[in-house]
Protein backbone atom coordinates (compact mmCIF):
# COMPACT_ATOMS: atom_id res chain seq x y z
CA MET A 1 -0.06 -0.02 0.20
CA VAL A 2 1.44 3.69 -1.14
CA ILE A 3 -0.36 6.82 -0.69
CA THR A 4 -0.23 7.91 -4.09
CA GLU A 5 -1.61 11.66 -3.64
CA LEU A 6 -1.97 13.81 -1.04
CA HIS A 7 -4.55 16.81 -1.25
CA ILE A 8 -5.42 19.55 1.28
CA GLU A 9 -7.81 22.44 1.02
CA ASN A 10 -8.22 25.45 3.24
CA ILE A 11 -5.89 24.29 6.33
CA LYS A 12 -3.58 27.33 7.52
CA GLY A 13 -1.96 28.48 5.15
CA LEU A 14 -3.01 25.85 2.64
CA GLN A 15 -5.81 26.99 0.09
CA ASN A 16 -5.03 23.81 -2.49
CA PHE A 17 -2.20 21.90 -2.12
CA GLU A 18 -1.31 18.24 -4.06
CA LEU A 19 1.22 16.35 -3.83
CA LYS A 20 1.92 13.75 -6.67
CA GLN A 21 4.67 12.27 -5.53
CA SER A 22 4.10 9.03 -3.49
CA ILE A 23 4.28 8.77 0.11
CA GLN A 24 6.36 5.26 0.75
CA PRO A 25 5.64 2.71 3.57
CA ASN A 26 8.23 1.86 5.94
CA ARG A 27 10.77 3.97 4.60
CA PRO A 28 11.60 7.68 5.88
CA ASN A 29 9.61 10.16 3.72
CA ILE A 30 11.10 13.37 3.73
CA LEU A 31 9.14 16.11 3.05
CA VAL A 32 10.90 19.47 2.11
CA ALA A 33 9.96 22.90 1.69
CA PRO A 34 11.27 26.13 2.07
CA ASN A 35 10.01 28.13 5.35
CA GLY A 36 6.77 30.28 4.58
CA PHE A 37 5.51 27.03 2.28
CA GLY A 38 2.67 25.24 4.57
CA LYS A 39 4.71 22.66 5.98
CA THR A 40 3.37 22.97 9.43
CA SER A 41 -0.51 23.32 7.91
CA LEU A 42 0.04 19.98 6.52
CA ALA A 43 1.15 18.75 9.82
CA ILE A 44 -2.04 20.55 11.52
CA ALA A 45 -4.09 18.73 8.70
CA PHE A 46 -3.03 15.56 10.22
CA LYS A 47 -3.18 16.37 13.86
CA SER A 48 -6.67 17.87 13.40
CA LEU A 49 -8.52 14.47 12.47
CA LYS A 50 -10.56 13.07 15.07
CA ASN A 51 -12.58 9.66 14.64
CA SER A 52 -15.64 11.26 13.41
CA LYS A 53 -14.38 14.48 11.62
CA LEU A 54 -11.68 17.21 10.67
CA ASP A 55 -12.09 19.71 13.72
CA LEU A 56 -9.61 22.56 13.27
CA ASP A 57 -9.61 25.28 16.20
CA GLU A 58 -10.48 28.82 14.55
CA SER A 59 -7.15 29.77 13.92
CA SER A 60 -6.38 26.67 11.74
CA TYR A 61 -9.02 27.69 9.03
CA TYR A 62 -7.74 29.48 5.68
CA ASN A 63 -7.17 32.94 6.21
CA GLY A 64 -8.91 32.59 9.79
CA ASP A 65 -12.03 32.44 8.16
CA ASN A 66 -14.44 28.82 8.86
CA SER A 67 -16.41 29.32 6.24
CA ASN A 68 -13.27 27.96 4.39
CA LYS A 69 -14.56 24.27 4.32
CA PRO A 70 -11.05 22.30 5.03
CA ILE A 71 -10.34 18.83 3.32
CA LEU A 72 -7.75 16.20 3.58
CA ARG A 73 -7.82 13.65 0.91
CA LEU A 74 -5.51 10.27 0.80
CA LYS A 75 -5.62 8.66 -2.57
CA LEU A 76 -4.05 4.83 -2.40
CA SER A 77 -2.45 2.39 -4.36
CA THR A 78 -5.03 -0.27 -3.37
CA GLY A 79 -7.88 2.49 -5.02
CA GLU A 80 -9.07 3.67 -1.99
CA ASN A 81 -9.78 6.99 -1.87
CA LEU A 82 -10.18 8.57 1.76
CA GLU A 83 -10.97 12.13 2.72
CA ALA A 84 -12.01 13.94 5.92
CA ASP A 85 -13.98 17.16 6.49
CA ASP A 86 -15.73 18.95 9.02
CA SER A 87 -18.79 16.62 8.86
CA HIS A 88 -16.98 12.56 7.96
CA ASN A 89 -13.60 11.47 8.12
CA SER A 90 -12.75 8.29 6.39
CA ILE A 91 -9.41 8.42 6.82
CA SER A 92 -8.95 7.35 10.87
CA SER A 93 -10.68 3.94 9.75
CA LYS A 94 -7.60 3.01 7.89
CA PHE A 95 -4.75 4.57 9.67
CA ASP A 96 -3.70 6.14 13.26
CA ILE A 97 -2.36 8.85 13.10
CA TYR A 98 0.52 10.82 15.10
CA VAL A 99 2.10 14.18 14.60
CA ILE A 100 5.07 15.01 16.75
CA ASN A 101 6.27 18.46 16.45
CA CYS A 102 7.15 21.12 19.75
CA GLN A 103 5.84 19.61 23.41
CA LEU A 104 6.29 22.86 25.08
CA LYS A 105 2.98 24.78 26.63
CA PRO A 106 2.88 27.98 28.15
CA LYS A 107 1.62 27.43 32.08
CA ALA A 108 0.43 30.56 33.73
CA THR A 109 1.12 30.71 37.54
CA ALA A 110 0.13 33.00 39.91
CA GLN A 111 2.27 35.39 42.37
CA ARG A 112 1.22 38.20 45.10
CA TYR A 113 3.39 41.21 45.07
CA GLY A 114 2.20 43.63 47.43
CA GLY A 115 -1.38 42.62 47.60
CA ARG A 116 -1.50 42.15 44.10
CA THR A 117 -2.06 38.95 42.19
CA ILE A 118 0.96 38.99 39.20
CA ALA A 119 0.33 35.88 36.32
CA ARG A 120 3.50 35.09 35.20
CA ALA A 121 4.17 32.99 32.09
CA SER A 122 6.39 29.40 32.52
CA ASN A 123 7.00 26.55 29.27
CA ASP A 124 6.27 23.49 30.68
CA ILE A 125 6.85 20.20 28.80
CA SER A 126 3.36 18.98 27.94
CA PRO A 127 2.66 15.17 29.35
CA THR A 128 3.19 12.14 26.93
CA VAL A 129 0.33 10.03 27.20
CA MET A 130 1.66 6.49 26.82
CA ILE A 131 -1.51 4.71 26.81
CA GLN A 132 -4.47 6.10 27.52
CA THR A 133 -6.76 3.96 29.23
CA ILE A 134 -5.09 1.01 31.65
CA PRO A 135 -7.11 -2.17 32.12
CA PRO A 136 -8.25 -3.60 34.82
CA LYS A 137 -6.31 -5.14 37.02
CA ILE A 138 -6.69 -8.80 37.47
CA ASN A 139 -3.90 -11.25 38.24
CA PHE A 140 -4.02 -14.74 36.27
CA ASP A 141 -5.33 -17.07 39.18
CA TYR A 142 -2.60 -19.25 39.33
CA SER A 143 -2.77 -21.90 42.38
CA LEU A 144 -0.37 -25.35 42.55
CA PRO A 145 -2.19 -26.61 45.20
CA ARG A 146 -5.75 -26.24 43.39
CA ASN A 147 -4.30 -27.53 39.98
CA LYS A 148 -3.49 -30.79 41.80
CA ARG A 149 -6.68 -31.06 43.36
CA ASP A 150 -8.36 -30.44 39.76
CA PHE A 151 -5.71 -32.98 38.29
CA GLY A 152 -6.61 -36.00 40.47
CA ILE A 153 -5.13 -38.50 42.38
CA ASN A 154 -1.87 -38.26 40.78
CA GLY A 155 -1.57 -34.29 41.23
CA LYS A 156 1.44 -34.43 42.97
CA LEU A 157 3.15 -35.04 39.67
CA LEU A 158 2.79 -31.13 38.95
CA THR A 159 5.45 -28.36 39.79
CA ASP A 160 5.02 -25.06 40.34
CA ILE A 161 4.96 -22.85 37.02
CA SER A 162 3.94 -19.52 38.86
CA ASN A 163 7.15 -17.71 37.26
CA ILE A 164 5.32 -18.29 33.97
CA TYR A 165 2.73 -16.08 34.76
CA SER A 166 5.60 -13.25 35.59
CA GLN A 167 7.41 -13.70 32.22
CA TYR A 168 4.93 -11.33 30.60
CA ASN A 169 6.55 -11.80 26.99
CA LEU A 170 6.24 -15.52 27.34
CA ILE A 171 2.61 -15.53 28.32
CA ILE A 172 1.86 -12.77 25.67
CA ARG A 173 3.78 -15.01 23.24
CA ILE A 174 1.68 -18.22 23.79
CA SER A 175 -1.86 -16.17 23.61
CA GLU A 176 -0.30 -15.13 20.44
CA ASN A 177 0.80 -18.13 18.94
CA ILE A 178 -1.50 -20.67 20.26
CA ASN A 179 -5.16 -21.32 19.30
CA PHE A 180 -6.85 -22.19 22.05
CA GLU A 181 -10.09 -22.90 21.15
CA GLU A 182 -8.74 -25.90 19.44
CA PHE A 183 -8.53 -26.95 23.20
CA SER A 184 -12.34 -26.82 23.42
CA LEU A 185 -12.92 -28.95 20.60
CA VAL A 186 -13.93 -32.76 21.23
CA ARG A 187 -11.70 -33.80 19.06
CA PHE A 188 -9.00 -33.10 21.60
CA LYS A 189 -10.52 -33.40 24.53
CA THR A 190 -11.27 -36.86 23.89
CA PRO A 191 -7.72 -38.28 23.61
CA PHE A 192 -6.57 -35.65 25.84
CA ASN A 193 -8.98 -36.50 29.10
CA ALA A 194 -7.83 -40.48 28.12
CA ILE A 195 -4.49 -39.66 28.85
CA ILE A 196 -4.74 -38.06 31.76
CA ALA A 197 -7.49 -40.60 33.39
CA LYS A 198 -4.55 -42.88 32.15
CA ILE A 199 -1.95 -41.40 34.39
CA ASN A 200 -4.11 -41.27 37.86
CA SER A 201 -4.78 -44.73 36.90
CA ILE A 202 -0.69 -45.54 38.23
CA ASP A 203 -0.77 -46.39 41.86
CA ASN A 204 -0.20 -42.78 43.38
CA ARG A 205 1.93 -44.84 46.11
CA LYS A 206 4.88 -44.81 43.92
CA THR A 207 7.31 -41.95 43.90
CA ALA A 208 6.41 -38.97 41.34
CA HIS A 209 9.70 -40.24 39.73
CA SER A 210 8.83 -43.77 39.08
CA ILE A 211 5.32 -42.63 37.79
CA LYS A 212 6.95 -40.20 35.06
CA ASP A 213 9.25 -43.26 34.20
CA GLU A 214 6.18 -45.45 33.58
CA ILE A 215 4.02 -42.70 31.61
CA ILE A 216 7.04 -42.43 29.48
CA ARG A 217 7.42 -46.55 29.11
CA GLU A 218 4.16 -46.98 28.69
CA ASN A 219 3.75 -43.88 25.84
CA ILE A 220 0.93 -42.82 27.76
CA ILE A 221 1.53 -39.57 26.32
CA ASP A 222 0.11 -40.53 22.80
CA ILE A 223 -1.79 -37.66 21.01
CA ASN A 224 -1.90 -35.94 17.49
CA ASN A 225 -2.44 -32.27 17.85
CA GLN A 226 -0.43 -29.70 15.97
CA GLU A 227 -1.48 -26.83 19.01
CA LEU A 228 -0.61 -28.76 21.88
CA THR A 229 3.05 -29.71 19.87
CA ASN A 230 3.38 -25.95 19.58
CA LEU A 231 2.48 -24.99 23.03
CA CYS A 232 4.53 -27.55 24.01
CA ASP A 233 7.35 -26.29 22.16
CA ILE A 234 7.52 -22.79 23.29
CA ILE A 235 7.31 -24.57 27.07
CA ARG A 236 10.56 -26.41 26.06
CA GLN A 237 12.27 -23.00 24.53
CA ASN A 238 11.54 -21.13 27.23
CA SER A 239 11.68 -22.89 30.71
CA ALA A 240 13.96 -25.18 32.69
CA PHE A 241 11.45 -28.31 31.29
CA ASP A 242 12.54 -30.26 28.44
CA ASN A 243 11.57 -34.00 30.04
CA ILE A 244 8.34 -35.02 27.90
CA VAL A 245 6.30 -35.56 30.57
CA ASP A 246 7.00 -32.51 32.77
CA VAL A 247 6.22 -30.10 29.40
CA PHE A 248 3.24 -31.91 28.76
CA LEU A 249 1.85 -31.14 32.78
CA VAL A 250 3.20 -28.04 31.90
CA ALA A 251 1.25 -27.20 29.17
CA TRP A 252 -2.11 -28.82 31.11
CA GLN A 253 -1.77 -26.76 33.85
CA ILE A 254 -1.73 -23.54 31.23
CA ILE A 255 -4.70 -24.81 29.38
CA HIS A 256 -6.45 -25.31 32.97
CA VAL A 257 -5.86 -22.06 34.65
CA ARG A 258 -7.25 -20.66 31.06
CA ASN A 259 -10.25 -22.82 30.95
CA SER A 260 -10.93 -22.02 35.06
CA MET A 261 -10.54 -18.47 34.24
CA GLY A 262 -13.28 -18.12 31.73
CA VAL A 263 -13.32 -14.26 30.50
CA ASN A 264 -11.12 -13.37 33.24
CA TYR A 265 -8.18 -14.70 31.44
CA ARG A 266 -8.40 -12.30 28.84
CA LYS A 267 -8.59 -9.50 31.16
CA ALA A 268 -5.70 -10.83 32.88
CA LEU A 269 -3.86 -10.92 29.50
CA ALA A 270 -4.37 -7.40 28.60
CA TYR A 271 -2.93 -6.39 32.23
CA ALA A 272 -0.08 -8.61 31.47
CA ASN A 273 0.39 -6.64 28.48
CA PHE A 274 0.18 -3.39 30.36
CA LEU A 275 2.92 -4.21 32.59
CA LYS A 276 4.78 -5.52 29.93
CA LYS A 277 4.72 -2.30 28.14
CA GLN A 278 5.28 0.04 31.24
CA VAL A 279 8.48 -2.12 31.63
CA GLU A 280 9.83 -2.08 28.19
CA ILE A 281 8.81 2.06 28.64
CA ASP A 282 11.08 2.66 31.56
CA SER A 283 13.91 0.61 30.48
CA THR A 284 14.09 2.73 27.61
CA LEU A 285 13.72 5.75 28.86
CA GLU A 286 16.20 4.75 32.00
CA LYS A 287 19.01 3.98 28.46
CA ILE A 288 17.96 7.45 26.87
CA ASN A 289 17.75 9.48 29.50
CA PRO A 290 20.27 12.29 28.92
CA VAL A 291 19.66 13.92 32.82
CA SER A 292 19.91 10.60 34.47
CA ASP A 293 22.35 12.70 37.10
CA ARG A 294 19.12 14.94 38.28
CA PHE A 295 16.32 13.33 37.21
CA GLU A 296 14.42 9.97 37.29
CA ILE A 297 12.49 9.84 34.30
CA LYS A 298 9.83 6.95 34.59
CA SER A 299 6.17 6.36 33.51
CA ALA A 300 3.81 6.90 35.82
CA ILE A 301 -0.31 6.36 36.35
CA LYS A 302 -2.34 8.98 36.26
CA ASP A 303 -6.39 9.24 36.18
CA HIS A 304 -6.15 5.42 34.54
CA SER A 305 -3.62 6.68 32.15
CA LEU A 306 0.19 5.50 31.76
CA ILE A 307 1.93 8.74 31.58
CA ILE A 308 5.53 10.03 30.87
CA GLU A 309 5.71 13.69 33.25
CA TRP A 310 8.76 15.88 32.31
CA PRO A 311 11.25 17.98 34.07
CA LYS A 312 10.23 21.86 34.12
CA ALA A 313 11.13 22.86 30.76
CA ASN A 314 13.93 25.60 32.57
CA MET A 315 15.57 22.76 34.41
CA ILE A 316 16.82 20.40 30.94
CA SER A 317 18.20 21.93 27.76
CA ASN A 318 16.33 22.04 24.78
CA GLY A 319 18.05 19.26 22.90
CA GLN A 320 17.35 16.72 25.88
CA ARG A 321 13.75 17.85 25.89
CA ASP A 322 13.87 17.34 22.17
CA ILE A 323 14.99 13.78 22.10
CA LEU A 324 13.52 12.42 25.12
CA THR A 325 9.70 13.83 24.01
CA PHE A 326 10.54 12.66 20.78
CA ILE A 327 11.25 8.91 21.68
CA SER A 328 8.77 8.88 23.62
CA ARG A 329 6.11 9.92 21.12
CA LEU A 330 7.54 6.79 18.50
CA MET A 331 7.01 4.73 21.65
CA GLU A 332 3.47 5.74 21.63
CA CYS A 333 3.07 5.31 18.04
CA HIS A 334 4.47 1.78 18.23
CA TYR A 335 2.15 0.68 20.72
CA LYS A 336 -0.75 1.60 18.87
CA GLU A 337 -0.87 -1.74 16.82
CA SER A 338 -4.74 -1.89 15.38
CA LYS A 339 -3.95 -0.14 12.48
CA ALA A 340 -1.59 1.17 9.83
CA CYS A 341 -0.15 4.43 10.94
CA ILE A 342 1.07 7.77 9.69
CA LEU A 343 3.48 9.47 11.45
CA VAL A 344 4.14 13.56 11.02
CA ILE A 345 7.25 15.29 12.30
CA ASP A 346 7.42 18.73 12.01
CA GLU A 347 10.05 20.01 11.33
CA PHE A 348 11.43 18.64 14.68
CA PHE A 349 14.78 17.51 13.74
CA ASP A 350 16.16 20.69 12.23
CA TYR A 351 17.58 22.05 15.08
CA LEU A 352 18.94 18.69 17.00
CA ASP A 353 22.49 18.94 17.58
CA ASP A 354 24.52 16.71 15.38
CA ALA A 355 24.60 13.42 17.69
CA ASN A 356 20.61 14.13 18.64
CA LEU A 357 20.41 14.19 14.81
CA VAL A 358 22.07 11.00 14.35
CA ALA A 359 19.96 9.37 17.80
CA PHE A 360 16.61 11.04 16.00
CA GLN A 361 17.62 8.78 12.83
CA TYR A 362 18.46 5.90 14.60
CA TYR A 363 15.01 5.70 16.60
CA ILE A 364 13.01 6.35 13.69
CA SER A 365 14.76 3.32 11.62
CA THR A 366 14.36 1.22 14.46
CA LEU A 367 10.66 1.90 14.57
CA ILE A 368 10.55 1.49 10.90
CA ASP A 369 12.05 -1.96 11.43
CA SER A 370 9.91 -3.01 13.85
CA TYR A 371 6.76 -1.84 11.72
CA ARG A 372 8.45 -4.35 8.92
CA LYS A 373 9.24 -7.21 11.09
CA ASN A 374 6.18 -7.37 12.62
CA ARG A 375 4.24 -7.04 9.26
CA ARG A 376 2.66 -3.38 9.67
CA ILE A 377 2.87 -0.62 7.77
CA ILE A 378 3.86 2.95 8.92
CA PHE A 379 4.34 6.01 6.43
CA PRO A 380 7.06 8.17 8.49
CA ILE A 381 6.84 11.87 7.21
CA LEU A 382 9.44 14.59 8.24
CA LEU A 383 8.51 17.59 7.14
CA THR A 384 11.84 20.16 7.03
CA HIS A 385 13.30 23.01 5.42
CA ILE A 386 16.84 21.30 5.03
CA ASP A 387 17.43 19.50 1.84
CA PRO A 388 19.00 16.17 3.80
CA ASN A 389 21.36 15.85 0.69
CA TYR A 390 23.41 19.16 1.77
CA LEU A 391 22.77 18.09 5.72
CA LYS A 392 26.34 16.52 7.01
CA HIS A 393 24.71 13.93 9.66
CA PHE A 394 21.45 12.89 7.35
CA CYS A 395 22.81 9.46 8.11
CA PHE A 396 19.48 7.65 6.21
CA ASN A 397 20.03 4.36 4.10
CA ASP A 398 19.61 6.63 0.24
CA LYS A 399 18.04 3.45 -0.93
CA ARG A 400 15.51 3.87 1.79
CA LEU A 401 14.93 7.15 1.94
CA ASN A 402 12.46 9.05 -0.38
CA ILE A 403 12.42 13.12 -0.59
CA CYS A 404 9.36 14.66 -2.27
CA TYR A 405 10.01 18.31 -2.76
CA LEU A 406 6.72 20.06 -2.17
CA LYS A 407 7.07 23.13 -3.70
CA ASN A 408 6.71 23.60 -7.94
CA TYR A 409 10.18 25.00 -8.93
CA LYS A 410 10.79 26.22 -12.53
CA GLY A 411 14.29 24.91 -12.52
CA LYS A 412 15.17 22.04 -14.91
CA ILE A 413 18.53 20.06 -15.54
CA SER A 414 19.19 19.76 -19.78
CA ASP A 415 20.26 16.81 -20.54
CA LYS A 416 23.27 18.32 -22.21
CA MET A 417 24.21 20.18 -19.08
CA ALA A 418 23.92 17.32 -16.97
CA GLN A 419 25.88 15.34 -19.75
CA PHE A 420 28.46 17.78 -20.15
CA ILE A 421 29.03 18.38 -16.19
CA GLY A 422 29.08 14.48 -15.66
CA ALA A 423 32.00 14.09 -18.78
CA ARG A 424 34.04 16.71 -17.10
CA GLU A 425 36.21 14.39 -15.50
CA ASN A 426 37.20 13.00 -19.23
CA LEU A 427 40.83 13.60 -19.51
CA LEU A 428 40.11 14.56 -23.20
CA ILE A 429 39.00 17.65 -21.83
CA LYS A 430 39.25 17.98 -18.31
CA ASN A 431 42.13 20.87 -18.23
CA ALA A 432 40.01 22.76 -20.97
CA VAL A 433 37.02 22.51 -19.28
CA ASP A 434 38.31 23.13 -15.44
CA THR A 435 40.37 26.15 -16.75
CA TYR A 436 38.11 27.89 -19.59
CA TYR A 437 34.33 26.71 -18.78
CA LEU A 438 33.75 26.34 -15.10
CA HIS A 439 36.18 29.02 -14.05
CA TYR A 440 36.68 32.82 -15.32
CA HIS A 441 39.61 32.89 -17.67
CA PRO A 442 40.32 36.63 -20.08
CA ASN A 443 41.64 33.93 -22.96
CA ILE A 444 38.10 32.00 -23.35
CA ASP A 445 38.27 32.72 -27.38
CA THR A 446 41.50 30.75 -27.57
CA ILE A 447 39.88 27.63 -26.94
CA ASP A 448 38.72 25.35 -29.17
CA ILE A 449 37.92 21.68 -28.16
CA THR A 450 34.75 20.43 -30.91
CA GLU A 451 36.51 17.42 -32.00
CA GLU A 452 36.73 16.39 -28.62
CA PHE A 453 33.40 17.19 -27.68
CA LYS A 454 32.28 15.53 -30.73
CA GLN A 455 34.40 12.18 -29.62
CA LEU A 456 32.42 12.14 -26.51
CA SER A 457 29.25 13.12 -27.99
CA LEU A 458 28.78 16.32 -26.18
CA ASN A 459 26.95 19.54 -27.21
CA LEU A 460 28.62 20.63 -30.32
CA ASP A 461 27.74 23.99 -30.28
CA TRP A 462 29.49 24.31 -26.95
CA GLY A 463 32.77 23.38 -28.65
CA THR A 464 34.64 26.85 -27.81
CA PRO A 465 33.98 28.15 -24.21
CA ARG A 466 32.58 31.58 -25.22
CA MET A 467 29.75 29.71 -26.81
CA PHE A 468 29.34 27.69 -23.87
CA LYS A 469 29.36 30.81 -21.18
CA LYS A 470 26.58 32.37 -23.81
CA LYS A 471 24.60 29.78 -22.92
CA VAL A 472 25.08 29.59 -18.87
CA ASP A 473 24.35 33.51 -19.37
CA ARG A 474 21.18 33.62 -21.24
CA GLU A 475 19.89 31.13 -18.52
CA LEU A 476 20.66 33.26 -15.64
CA ARG A 477 18.90 35.91 -17.55
CA LYS A 478 15.88 33.63 -17.85
CA TYR A 479 16.50 32.89 -13.80
CA LEU A 480 16.53 36.77 -12.66
CA LEU A 481 14.38 38.21 -15.45
CA GLU A 482 12.29 35.88 -16.51
CA PRO A 483 10.09 34.22 -13.48
CA GLY A 484 7.67 32.61 -15.55
CA LYS A 485 9.88 30.65 -17.65
CA THR A 486 12.03 27.82 -17.11
CA TYR A 487 15.72 28.06 -16.37
CA ASP A 488 18.72 25.64 -16.17
CA PRO A 489 20.02 26.11 -12.71
CA LEU A 490 22.97 24.45 -13.10
CA ALA A 491 24.12 26.33 -15.86
CA VAL A 492 22.96 29.34 -13.56
CA CYS A 493 25.30 28.19 -10.79
CA VAL A 494 28.23 28.21 -13.71
CA SER A 495 27.47 31.65 -14.58
CA ILE A 496 27.56 32.92 -11.06
CA ARG A 497 30.82 31.09 -10.46
CA ILE A 498 32.15 32.48 -13.41
CA LYS A 499 31.01 36.46 -12.32
CA ILE A 500 32.49 36.23 -9.21
CA GLU A 501 35.62 35.14 -10.21
CA GLU A 502 36.05 37.58 -12.75
CA ASN A 503 34.75 40.52 -10.45
CA ALA A 504 37.42 39.28 -7.75
CA TYR A 505 39.83 39.28 -10.54
CA ASN A 506 39.19 42.54 -11.71
CA TYR A 507 39.86 44.08 -8.40
CA ILE A 508 43.68 42.74 -8.45
CA ASP A 509 46.00 45.18 -10.49
CA ALA A 510 49.26 43.59 -10.45
CA ASP A 511 49.21 40.98 -13.69
CA ALA A 512 51.55 38.48 -11.54
CA HIS A 513 49.06 38.28 -8.59
CA LYS A 514 46.31 37.97 -11.47
CA GLN A 515 48.05 35.01 -13.48
CA GLU A 516 48.66 33.49 -9.99
CA PHE A 517 45.11 33.81 -9.52
CA LEU A 518 43.98 32.09 -12.73
CA ILE A 519 46.16 29.18 -11.81
CA THR A 520 44.93 28.89 -8.27
CA HIS A 521 42.23 26.10 -7.84
CA GLY A 522 38.92 26.43 -6.70
CA THR A 523 36.90 29.36 -6.10
CA THR A 524 37.08 29.89 -2.70
CA GLU A 525 40.76 29.53 -3.02
CA LYS A 526 40.92 32.25 -5.62
CA LEU A 527 39.21 34.52 -3.50
CA ASN A 528 41.42 33.64 -0.38
CA TYR A 529 44.34 34.73 -2.64
CA ALA A 530 42.65 37.58 -3.74
CA HIS A 531 42.34 38.51 -0.28
CA ASP A 532 45.82 38.02 0.74
CA GLN A 533 47.08 40.32 -2.30
CA GLY A 534 44.62 43.10 0.14
CA ILE A 535 42.07 42.84 -1.71
CA VAL A 536 38.43 43.35 -0.34
CA VAL A 537 36.66 40.91 -1.14
CA PRO A 538 32.63 40.75 0.02
CA GLU A 539 31.50 38.47 2.16
CA THR A 540 28.34 37.85 -0.16
CA TYR A 541 31.16 36.21 -2.25
CA TYR A 542 31.91 33.47 0.01
CA LEU A 543 28.11 33.01 1.22
CA LEU A 544 27.07 32.42 -2.53
CA GLY A 545 29.21 29.33 -2.59
CA ILE A 546 26.28 27.20 -1.45
CA ILE A 547 25.09 28.06 -4.92
CA TYR A 548 27.85 27.78 -7.08
CA ASN A 549 30.29 25.50 -5.46
CA HIS A 550 28.74 21.99 -4.19
CA PRO A 551 26.51 21.02 -6.95
CA LEU A 552 29.61 21.22 -9.73
CA HIS A 553 31.78 18.87 -7.95
CA ILE A 554 28.66 16.06 -8.37
CA ALA A 555 27.99 13.84 -11.23
CA GLY A 556 25.57 15.38 -13.87
CA ASP A 557 22.06 14.21 -12.63
CA ASN A 558 18.50 15.61 -12.95
CA ASP A 559 17.83 14.87 -9.85
CA MET A 560 19.46 17.85 -8.60
CA SER A 561 17.24 20.33 -10.51
CA LYS A 562 14.88 20.73 -7.01
CA GLN A 563 17.74 20.61 -4.85
CA LEU A 564 19.39 23.88 -6.76
CA SER A 565 16.32 25.30 -7.42
CA MET A 566 15.22 25.52 -4.19
CA LYS A 567 18.20 27.59 -3.06
CA LEU A 568 17.94 29.82 -6.12
CA GLU A 569 14.47 30.42 -5.85
CA ASN A 570 15.06 32.22 -2.06
CA GLU A 571 14.45 35.73 -2.72
CA THR A 572 17.24 36.73 -0.52
CA ILE A 573 19.69 34.73 -2.56
CA LYS A 574 18.21 35.88 -5.76
CA SER A 575 18.88 39.48 -4.32
CA MET A 576 22.48 38.36 -3.64
CA ILE A 577 23.51 36.81 -6.75
CA ARG A 578 21.41 40.29 -8.86
CA HIS A 579 23.91 42.41 -6.72
CA LEU A 580 26.93 40.63 -8.79
CA TRP A 581 25.88 42.53 -11.89
CA GLU A 582 25.65 45.85 -10.27
């Protein structure tokens, strides 16, 4: 199942938004857009989903006008179309929805000064609800004396298995893998009860050891039932019992306790599952608690819910708070087991430090692996203004990563330009391209490598650097002066680089220094050389390195179009570029 389309209307800053790039299951989906585009509006759309409708608060309607009817629509690869508006919701019947963002909330406290009450605001951290409703506290009703009595005259053969009922993982595994309904059928009960009768027919004056030997010798435990075999296998794998008689008798006790408890057995199982989750939650919190030297952070029961209460915001750092809160929300998402899950993370990791960013990715990957292992589906949607292709500590496996650029850009790298950049390292043209095409040089009219371009099947119109420069400058003019037209962002980057180097070159007076500038490798290095000669190099020239430098050191790839355009179409960067020609 893939989410093939996402449509939002009239929510916060999004009047009519469509995403037709697929959102993939069990993979990190990174949705990238500049600040102000409406990423938080997208998160609000999902966060506002209630069971029966899309329930916006007054400030979340488009333009603050509640007459603008909100709509959230998903199209799935299964052919299903799911929709939520202010009167119905078919999305929540298919998906559990989680949205993670800042957990800080303002809390007013009243203080009295000179007879006056003054309210002061502080930022507390919202408690995280891990389990909304805790099941009733019903324990497994196990009693060895009672089981011995119920078994019959040879009940002394039974051993204490109370520890099994305190091993929550084991008892839950048994319940999930064994069909106990099979044990209530006549086809099972008749031979099973016959075995018990045969065991009880053995002289009870014998020792338990002697009776067990006789059971084995007479092959009394002879029953062909797959569910019983499966139950015995689990017992054998997870306990000290390996003797066929002991394992069979443990199985009898487990079946007998379940039958004796009736409906309370399922209730006890639900409570055991809750205790198991609580232990896991506290174990995880203990491992990742960055303030363990000052605070013990663990779950607590409050108003029939299991929650995590955090230290006051002013007592821990923002990074510590963010990673703790994030992990707990992931755990909350993990324990919601009924449906497929959509997890929206709203610019959460944009401000994490390097170590916490790596930790963030680890926990996301672990959650995805857990879902995949259990054959469940989760759609992690990470909203960010940071292009992960340029984030040093963004370490997700590229083959699993699905990057979607939300904004439509005019930039499109031409096939000819991509082919040219991809061939730049070929020895036939490398020196000429590096010197005269991709960097400034005053003598470009002396170079003609048309024949080499022909051998490499490159665009022959660019066989001279003068013609190539005309091409990139033409694309730059389209970018700056014709906003409605499609431009080549890679060509724009080359044009910017050449112009910056030309300006720096012209600042230098001495011919010897100019020559040294030309043979210096790398634009940043050239600018540093000019600076060393006493030239005041505008800071803008260095700042624009994010545009002209990085992409030209990546092999030609049309997928770079949106990455480059996202930067080029930032109005501040466009203004900086425009000033190069003033």
